[in-house]
Amino acid sequence: MINFREAQQGDEEGVLKVVREVLSGYGLEFNPEEEDLDVTNLKKYYMNNKGWFQVILEDDRIIGSTGIFKVDETTCELRKMYLLPSYQGKGLGKKLMENALEAAKALGYKTITLQTNSVLVKALPLYERFGFRQEKGIEVCSRCDLFMKKVL
């Protein structure tokens, strides 16, 4: 049975496994010392920092995640939206996005951004469907090549 819930302390290892597996499938580097450091302590980087993090489980195994990360008082970033390949295309990513946008609004953010890579071809149409638009000339992390933004 598939279940969505807010992340709890101790979920980090399961989320890191999902991130690593999804990235490796696209030939992208997993880096828990830099780009993925926020997943090593969800409480510190999300829950205790005006953020939010959700996981999807199937039979107590984490199969996907998404987070809202504080950039400043009015802007947040959609982060760590990953879903294991065998669960993609079943509407779970859509539900993750809906939940994340609802959480961002509830936390009082006015703008949401995200950084992604153009090789993540399944994710880009989803982001665009939810109103994210690419912005040029914005610096992104070393693994990313696209910056997108949406007014909430």
N, C-alpha and C. Protein backbone atom coordinates (compact mmCIF):
# COMPACT_ATOMS: atom_id res chain seq x y z
N MET A 1 0.83 -1.19 0.00
CA MET A 1 0.00 0.00 0.00
C MET A 1 0.88 1.26 0.00
N ILE A 2 0.53 2.22 -0.83
CA ILE A 2 1.30 3.46 -0.94
C ILE A 2 0.73 4.49 0.02
N ASN A 3 1.64 5.16 0.73
CA ASN A 3 1.26 6.10 1.77
C ASN A 3 2.15 7.34 1.70
N PHE A 4 1.54 8.52 1.79
CA PHE A 4 2.26 9.79 1.86
C PHE A 4 2.29 10.22 3.32
N ARG A 5 3.44 10.69 3.80
CA ARG A 5 3.49 11.26 5.15
C ARG A 5 4.63 12.25 5.25
N GLU A 6 4.51 13.13 6.25
CA GLU A 6 5.61 14.05 6.49
C GLU A 6 6.81 13.27 6.99
N ALA A 7 7.98 13.72 6.59
CA ALA A 7 9.21 13.02 6.96
C ALA A 7 9.43 13.07 8.46
N GLN A 8 10.12 12.07 8.95
CA GLN A 8 10.46 11.98 10.36
C GLN A 8 11.97 11.79 10.47
N GLN A 9 12.49 12.13 11.62
CA GLN A 9 13.90 11.88 11.86
C GLN A 9 14.13 10.38 11.67
N GLY A 10 15.18 10.02 10.96
CA GLY A 10 15.45 8.63 10.66
C GLY A 10 15.10 8.26 9.22
N ASP A 11 14.36 9.14 8.53
CA ASP A 11 14.02 8.89 7.12
C ASP A 11 15.17 9.21 6.17
N GLU A 12 16.20 9.86 6.69
CA GLU A 12 17.29 10.35 5.83
C GLU A 12 17.91 9.24 4.97
N GLU A 13 18.18 8.10 5.59
CA GLU A 13 18.84 7.02 4.84
C GLU A 13 18.00 6.56 3.66
N GLY A 14 16.71 6.40 3.87
CA GLY A 14 15.81 5.98 2.79
C GLY A 14 15.71 7.01 1.69
N VAL A 15 15.65 8.31 2.06
CA VAL A 15 15.58 9.37 1.06
C VAL A 15 16.89 9.42 0.28
N LEU A 16 18.01 9.31 0.96
CA LEU A 16 19.30 9.32 0.27
C LEU A 16 19.41 8.18 -0.74
N LYS A 17 18.88 7.01 -0.41
CA LYS A 17 18.89 5.88 -1.34
C LYS A 17 18.10 6.21 -2.60
N VAL A 18 16.92 6.81 -2.43
CA VAL A 18 16.09 7.18 -3.57
C VAL A 18 16.83 8.21 -4.44
N VAL A 19 17.37 9.25 -3.81
CA VAL A 19 18.08 10.29 -4.55
C VAL A 19 19.24 9.67 -5.34
N ARG A 20 20.02 8.85 -4.68
CA ARG A 20 21.18 8.21 -5.33
C ARG A 20 20.74 7.37 -6.53
N GLU A 21 19.70 6.56 -6.35
CA GLU A 21 19.25 5.68 -7.44
C GLU A 21 18.72 6.47 -8.63
N VAL A 22 17.90 7.48 -8.37
CA VAL A 22 17.33 8.27 -9.46
C VAL A 22 18.43 9.01 -10.21
N LEU A 23 19.32 9.67 -9.48
CA LEU A 23 20.41 10.41 -10.13
C LEU A 23 21.29 9.49 -10.98
N SER A 24 21.66 8.33 -10.44
CA SER A 24 22.54 7.43 -11.17
C SER A 24 21.89 6.95 -12.47
N GLY A 25 20.57 6.82 -12.48
CA GLY A 25 19.86 6.43 -13.68
C GLY A 25 19.96 7.44 -14.80
N TYR A 26 20.28 8.67 -14.45
CA TYR A 26 20.44 9.74 -15.44
C TYR A 26 21.90 10.13 -15.63
N GLY A 27 22.80 9.40 -14.98
CA GLY A 27 24.22 9.71 -15.10
C GLY A 27 24.63 10.96 -14.34
N LEU A 28 23.84 11.35 -13.34
CA LEU A 28 24.14 12.55 -12.54
C LEU A 28 24.78 12.14 -11.22
N GLU A 29 25.65 13.01 -10.72
CA GLU A 29 26.42 12.71 -9.52
C GLU A 29 25.61 12.92 -8.25
N PHE A 30 25.68 11.97 -7.36
CA PHE A 30 25.10 12.06 -6.02
C PHE A 30 26.18 12.63 -5.11
N ASN A 31 25.86 13.67 -4.33
CA ASN A 31 26.88 14.33 -3.54
C ASN A 31 26.35 14.74 -2.17
N PRO A 32 26.40 13.84 -1.17
CA PRO A 32 25.86 14.16 0.16
C PRO A 32 26.69 15.18 0.93
N GLU A 33 27.84 15.59 0.41
CA GLU A 33 28.63 16.63 1.07
C GLU A 33 28.27 18.03 0.58
N GLU A 34 27.59 18.13 -0.56
CA GLU A 34 27.24 19.45 -1.10
C GLU A 34 25.77 19.51 -1.50
N GLU A 35 25.44 19.20 -2.76
CA GLU A 35 24.07 19.35 -3.26
C GLU A 35 23.04 18.55 -2.47
N ASP A 36 23.45 17.43 -1.90
CA ASP A 36 22.51 16.58 -1.18
C ASP A 36 22.70 16.62 0.33
N LEU A 37 23.46 17.58 0.82
CA LEU A 37 23.71 17.72 2.26
C LEU A 37 22.42 17.90 3.04
N ASP A 38 21.46 18.63 2.46
CA ASP A 38 20.20 18.90 3.16
C ASP A 38 19.43 17.63 3.52
N VAL A 39 19.65 16.55 2.79
CA VAL A 39 18.93 15.30 3.07
C VAL A 39 19.57 14.54 4.23
N THR A 40 20.77 14.90 4.61
CA THR A 40 21.44 14.19 5.70
C THR A 40 20.87 14.54 7.07
N ASN A 41 20.10 15.65 7.14
CA ASN A 41 19.47 16.05 8.40
C ASN A 41 18.19 16.82 8.07
N LEU A 42 17.11 16.10 7.84
CA LEU A 42 15.85 16.72 7.43
C LEU A 42 15.31 17.68 8.47
N LYS A 43 15.47 17.35 9.73
CA LYS A 43 14.97 18.21 10.81
C LYS A 43 15.67 19.57 10.77
N LYS A 44 16.99 19.56 10.66
CA LYS A 44 17.77 20.80 10.66
C LYS A 44 17.48 21.66 9.43
N TYR A 45 17.54 21.06 8.25
CA TYR A 45 17.45 21.84 7.02
C TYR A 45 16.02 22.13 6.57
N TYR A 46 15.05 21.37 7.05
CA TYR A 46 13.67 21.57 6.63
C TYR A 46 12.75 21.93 7.81
N MET A 47 12.44 20.98 8.67
CA MET A 47 11.43 21.20 9.69
C MET A 47 11.76 22.34 10.65
N ASN A 48 13.01 22.50 11.04
CA ASN A 48 13.40 23.56 11.97
C ASN A 48 13.81 24.84 11.26
N ASN A 49 13.55 24.94 9.96
CA ASN A 49 13.98 26.09 9.18
C ASN A 49 12.87 26.58 8.26
N LYS A 50 11.63 26.67 8.80
CA LYS A 50 10.45 27.10 8.03
C LYS A 50 10.33 26.33 6.73
N GLY A 51 10.55 25.02 6.83
CA GLY A 51 10.42 24.17 5.66
C GLY A 51 9.50 23.00 5.92
N TRP A 52 9.49 22.07 5.00
CA TRP A 52 8.58 20.93 5.03
C TRP A 52 9.19 19.83 4.17
N PHE A 53 8.96 18.60 4.54
CA PHE A 53 9.49 17.48 3.75
C PHE A 53 8.51 16.33 3.84
N GLN A 54 8.25 15.71 2.69
CA GLN A 54 7.31 14.59 2.64
C GLN A 54 7.95 13.40 1.94
N VAL A 55 7.59 12.22 2.40
CA VAL A 55 8.05 10.99 1.75
C VAL A 55 6.83 10.18 1.31
N ILE A 56 7.07 9.33 0.30
CA ILE A 56 6.07 8.35 -0.12
C ILE A 56 6.65 7.00 0.26
N LEU A 57 5.82 6.18 0.86
CA LEU A 57 6.25 4.85 1.26
C LEU A 57 5.38 3.79 0.60
N GLU A 58 5.98 2.65 0.34
CA GLU A 58 5.24 1.46 0.00
C GLU A 58 5.71 0.39 0.97
N ASP A 59 4.80 -0.08 1.79
CA ASP A 59 5.14 -1.08 2.81
C ASP A 59 6.36 -0.67 3.63
N ASP A 60 6.35 0.54 4.15
CA ASP A 60 7.40 1.09 5.02
C ASP A 60 8.74 1.34 4.31
N ARG A 61 8.79 1.23 2.99
CA ARG A 61 10.00 1.54 2.23
C ARG A 61 9.80 2.86 1.50
N ILE A 62 10.73 3.79 1.67
CA ILE A 62 10.63 5.09 1.00
C ILE A 62 10.88 4.91 -0.48
N ILE A 63 9.92 5.39 -1.29
CA ILE A 63 10.02 5.27 -2.74
C ILE A 63 10.07 6.63 -3.43
N GLY A 64 9.85 7.72 -2.66
CA GLY A 64 9.87 9.05 -3.24
C GLY A 64 9.88 10.11 -2.16
N SER A 65 10.16 11.35 -2.60
CA SER A 65 10.24 12.45 -1.63
C SER A 65 10.06 13.79 -2.32
N THR A 66 9.79 14.79 -1.51
CA THR A 66 9.82 16.18 -1.96
C THR A 66 9.94 17.07 -0.73
N GLY A 67 10.55 18.25 -0.93
CA GLY A 67 10.74 19.16 0.19
C GLY A 67 10.56 20.61 -0.20
N ILE A 68 10.22 21.41 0.80
CA ILE A 68 10.16 22.87 0.68
C ILE A 68 11.27 23.42 1.56
N PHE A 69 12.22 24.12 0.94
CA PHE A 69 13.41 24.63 1.60
C PHE A 69 13.36 26.16 1.61
N LYS A 70 13.56 26.76 2.77
CA LYS A 70 13.53 28.22 2.89
C LYS A 70 14.73 28.87 2.21
N VAL A 71 14.45 29.81 1.31
CA VAL A 71 15.50 30.63 0.70
C VAL A 71 15.58 31.95 1.45
N ASP A 72 14.43 32.61 1.62
CA ASP A 72 14.31 33.80 2.46
C ASP A 72 12.86 33.86 2.95
N GLU A 73 12.45 34.94 3.56
CA GLU A 73 11.12 34.98 4.18
C GLU A 73 9.97 34.82 3.19
N THR A 74 10.17 35.19 1.93
CA THR A 74 9.07 35.11 0.96
C THR A 74 9.30 34.08 -0.14
N THR A 75 10.49 33.52 -0.21
CA THR A 75 10.84 32.58 -1.28
C THR A 75 11.30 31.25 -0.72
N CYS A 76 10.79 30.19 -1.32
CA CYS A 76 11.24 28.84 -0.97
C CYS A 76 11.68 28.13 -2.24
N GLU A 77 12.31 26.99 -2.03
CA GLU A 77 12.78 26.20 -3.16
C GLU A 77 12.20 24.78 -3.05
N LEU A 78 11.66 24.29 -4.15
CA LEU A 78 11.25 22.90 -4.23
C LEU A 78 12.52 22.07 -4.36
N ARG A 79 12.72 21.14 -3.44
CA ARG A 79 13.94 20.34 -3.45
C ARG A 79 13.61 18.86 -3.28
N LYS A 80 14.52 18.07 -3.76
CA LYS A 80 14.52 16.61 -3.55
C LYS A 80 13.21 15.95 -3.95
N MET A 81 12.67 16.41 -5.08
CA MET A 81 11.47 15.77 -5.62
C MET A 81 11.94 14.62 -6.50
N TYR A 82 11.95 13.44 -5.90
CA TYR A 82 12.43 12.23 -6.58
C TYR A 82 11.43 11.10 -6.36
N LEU A 83 11.35 10.24 -7.36
CA LEU A 83 10.49 9.08 -7.30
C LEU A 83 11.22 7.95 -8.01
N LEU A 84 11.30 6.79 -7.36
CA LEU A 84 11.97 5.65 -7.98
C LEU A 84 11.35 5.37 -9.35
N PRO A 85 12.17 5.00 -10.34
CA PRO A 85 11.69 4.83 -11.71
C PRO A 85 10.47 3.92 -11.86
N SER A 86 10.40 2.84 -11.13
CA SER A 86 9.27 1.92 -11.29
C SER A 86 7.94 2.50 -10.79
N TYR A 87 7.98 3.64 -10.11
CA TYR A 87 6.77 4.28 -9.59
C TYR A 87 6.40 5.54 -10.40
N GLN A 88 7.23 5.88 -11.38
CA GLN A 88 6.95 7.06 -12.19
C GLN A 88 5.83 6.77 -13.19
N GLY A 89 5.12 7.82 -13.57
CA GLY A 89 4.04 7.67 -14.55
C GLY A 89 2.74 7.15 -13.97
N LYS A 90 2.61 7.18 -12.64
CA LYS A 90 1.40 6.67 -11.98
C LYS A 90 0.64 7.76 -11.22
N GLY A 91 1.01 9.02 -11.45
CA GLY A 91 0.33 10.13 -10.78
C GLY A 91 0.92 10.49 -9.43
N LEU A 92 1.94 9.78 -8.98
CA LEU A 92 2.52 10.07 -7.67
C LEU A 92 3.31 11.37 -7.67
N GLY A 93 4.00 11.66 -8.76
CA GLY A 93 4.74 12.93 -8.87
C GLY A 93 3.80 14.12 -8.84
N LYS A 94 2.67 13.98 -9.51
CA LYS A 94 1.65 15.04 -9.49
C LYS A 94 1.17 15.29 -8.06
N LYS A 95 0.91 14.21 -7.33
CA LYS A 95 0.45 14.35 -5.94
C LYS A 95 1.54 14.97 -5.07
N LEU A 96 2.81 14.56 -5.28
CA LEU A 96 3.91 15.18 -4.54
C LEU A 96 3.95 16.68 -4.79
N MET A 97 3.80 17.07 -6.06
CA MET A 97 3.85 18.49 -6.41
C MET A 97 2.68 19.24 -5.78
N GLU A 98 1.49 18.69 -5.85
CA GLU A 98 0.33 19.34 -5.23
C GLU A 98 0.55 19.54 -3.74
N ASN A 99 1.05 18.51 -3.08
CA ASN A 99 1.29 18.60 -1.64
C ASN A 99 2.36 19.64 -1.32
N ALA A 100 3.41 19.68 -2.11
CA ALA A 100 4.50 20.64 -1.88
C ALA A 100 4.02 22.08 -2.07
N LEU A 101 3.25 22.33 -3.11
CA LEU A 101 2.75 23.68 -3.35
C LEU A 101 1.79 24.11 -2.25
N GLU A 102 0.97 23.20 -1.79
CA GLU A 102 0.06 23.48 -0.68
C GLU A 102 0.85 23.82 0.59
N ALA A 103 1.92 23.06 0.85
CA ALA A 103 2.75 23.32 2.03
C ALA A 103 3.45 24.67 1.92
N ALA A 104 3.96 24.99 0.73
CA ALA A 104 4.65 26.27 0.54
C ALA A 104 3.71 27.44 0.81
N LYS A 105 2.48 27.34 0.33
CA LYS A 105 1.49 28.40 0.58
C LYS A 105 1.16 28.48 2.07
N ALA A 106 0.98 27.33 2.71
CA ALA A 106 0.65 27.30 4.14
C ALA A 106 1.77 27.90 4.99
N LEU A 107 3.00 27.76 4.53
CA LEU A 107 4.14 28.34 5.25
C LEU A 107 4.30 29.83 4.98
N GLY A 108 3.49 30.38 4.08
CA GLY A 108 3.49 31.82 3.83
C GLY A 108 4.41 32.30 2.73
N TYR A 109 4.94 31.39 1.93
CA TYR A 109 5.83 31.80 0.85
C TYR A 109 5.03 32.38 -0.30
N LYS A 110 5.64 33.33 -1.01
CA LYS A 110 5.00 33.99 -2.15
C LYS A 110 5.54 33.48 -3.49
N THR A 111 6.78 32.98 -3.47
CA THR A 111 7.44 32.50 -4.67
C THR A 111 8.13 31.18 -4.37
N ILE A 112 8.09 30.28 -5.36
CA ILE A 112 8.80 29.01 -5.23
C ILE A 112 9.71 28.84 -6.44
N THR A 113 10.92 28.39 -6.20
CA THR A 113 11.89 28.16 -7.26
C THR A 113 12.29 26.69 -7.26
N LEU A 114 12.99 26.28 -8.28
CA LEU A 114 13.60 24.96 -8.30
C LEU A 114 14.79 24.98 -9.24
N GLN A 115 15.72 24.09 -8.98
CA GLN A 115 16.86 23.87 -9.85
C GLN A 115 16.77 22.43 -10.34
N THR A 116 17.02 22.23 -11.63
CA THR A 116 16.92 20.88 -12.18
C THR A 116 17.91 20.73 -13.32
N ASN A 117 17.90 19.55 -13.91
CA ASN A 117 18.78 19.27 -15.03
C ASN A 117 17.92 18.88 -16.22
N SER A 118 18.27 19.37 -17.39
CA SER A 118 17.47 19.12 -18.59
C SER A 118 17.40 17.64 -18.97
N VAL A 119 18.28 16.79 -18.42
CA VAL A 119 18.18 15.35 -18.71
C VAL A 119 17.01 14.70 -17.97
N LEU A 120 16.45 15.37 -16.99
CA LEU A 120 15.31 14.83 -16.25
C LEU A 120 14.02 15.09 -17.04
N VAL A 121 13.94 14.44 -18.21
CA VAL A 121 12.90 14.74 -19.18
C VAL A 121 11.48 14.44 -18.69
N LYS A 122 11.32 13.56 -17.73
CA LYS A 122 9.98 13.28 -17.21
C LYS A 122 9.51 14.37 -16.25
N ALA A 123 10.45 15.03 -15.58
CA ALA A 123 10.10 16.04 -14.59
C ALA A 123 9.75 17.39 -15.22
N LEU A 124 10.43 17.75 -16.28
CA LEU A 124 10.24 19.09 -16.86
C LEU A 124 8.80 19.38 -17.26
N PRO A 125 8.10 18.48 -17.96
CA PRO A 125 6.70 18.78 -18.29
C PRO A 125 5.82 18.92 -17.05
N LEU A 126 6.10 18.16 -16.01
CA LEU A 126 5.34 18.27 -14.76
C LEU A 126 5.52 19.66 -14.16
N TYR A 127 6.76 20.12 -14.09
CA TYR A 127 7.03 21.46 -13.54
C TYR A 127 6.29 22.52 -14.35
N GLU A 128 6.35 22.41 -15.67
CA GLU A 128 5.70 23.40 -16.53
C GLU A 128 4.18 23.35 -16.39
N ARG A 129 3.62 22.15 -16.26
CA ARG A 129 2.18 21.99 -16.07
C ARG A 129 1.69 22.69 -14.81
N PHE A 130 2.54 22.74 -13.80
CA PHE A 130 2.18 23.39 -12.54
C PHE A 130 2.57 24.87 -12.51
N GLY A 131 2.99 25.42 -13.65
CA GLY A 131 3.21 26.85 -13.74
C GLY A 131 4.63 27.34 -13.51
N PHE A 132 5.59 26.43 -13.38
CA PHE A 132 6.99 26.85 -13.27
C PHE A 132 7.48 27.29 -14.64
N ARG A 133 8.25 28.38 -14.66
CA ARG A 133 8.81 28.89 -15.91
C ARG A 133 10.32 29.04 -15.76
N GLN A 134 11.03 28.70 -16.84
CA GLN A 134 12.49 28.82 -16.82
C GLN A 134 12.91 30.27 -16.79
N GLU A 135 13.98 30.53 -16.04
CA GLU A 135 14.59 31.85 -16.01
C GLU A 135 16.06 31.67 -16.37
N LYS A 136 16.52 32.50 -17.26
CA LYS A 136 17.91 32.41 -17.74
C LYS A 136 18.82 33.27 -16.87
N GLY A 137 20.08 32.90 -16.86
CA GLY A 137 21.09 33.72 -16.20
C GLY A 137 21.14 33.60 -14.68
N ILE A 138 20.46 32.63 -14.11
CA ILE A 138 20.48 32.43 -12.66
C ILE A 138 21.47 31.30 -12.36
N GLU A 139 22.34 31.53 -11.40
CA GLU A 139 23.33 30.51 -11.05
C GLU A 139 22.64 29.33 -10.37
N VAL A 140 23.04 28.12 -10.77
CA VAL A 140 22.47 26.90 -10.21
C VAL A 140 23.61 26.02 -9.69
N CYS A 141 23.26 25.00 -8.91
CA CYS A 141 24.27 24.09 -8.38
C CYS A 141 24.98 23.35 -9.52
N SER A 142 26.10 22.74 -9.22
CA SER A 142 26.94 22.14 -10.26
C SER A 142 26.24 21.02 -11.03
N ARG A 143 25.28 20.35 -10.44
CA ARG A 143 24.59 19.24 -11.10
C ARG A 143 23.43 19.73 -11.97
N CYS A 144 23.01 20.97 -11.81
CA CYS A 144 21.83 21.49 -12.50
C CYS A 144 22.20 22.40 -13.65
N ASP A 145 21.28 22.53 -14.61
CA ASP A 145 21.48 23.48 -15.69
C ASP A 145 20.23 24.33 -15.96
N LEU A 146 19.19 24.16 -15.15
CA LEU A 146 17.97 24.95 -15.32
C LEU A 146 17.49 25.51 -13.99
N PHE A 147 16.99 26.74 -14.04
CA PHE A 147 16.38 27.39 -12.88
C PHE A 147 14.96 27.73 -13.28
N MET A 148 14.00 27.36 -12.45
CA MET A 148 12.60 27.63 -12.73
C MET A 148 11.96 28.32 -11.52
N LYS A 149 10.89 29.08 -11.81
CA LYS A 149 10.26 29.89 -10.78
C LYS A 149 8.75 29.92 -10.99
N LYS A 150 8.02 30.03 -9.89
CA LYS A 150 6.56 30.14 -9.95
C LYS A 150 6.10 31.07 -8.83
N VAL A 151 5.18 31.96 -9.14
CA VAL A 151 4.55 32.80 -8.12
C VAL A 151 3.41 31.99 -7.54
N LEU A 152 3.35 31.95 -6.21
CA LEU A 152 2.31 31.16 -5.54
C LEU A 152 1.01 31.96 -5.38
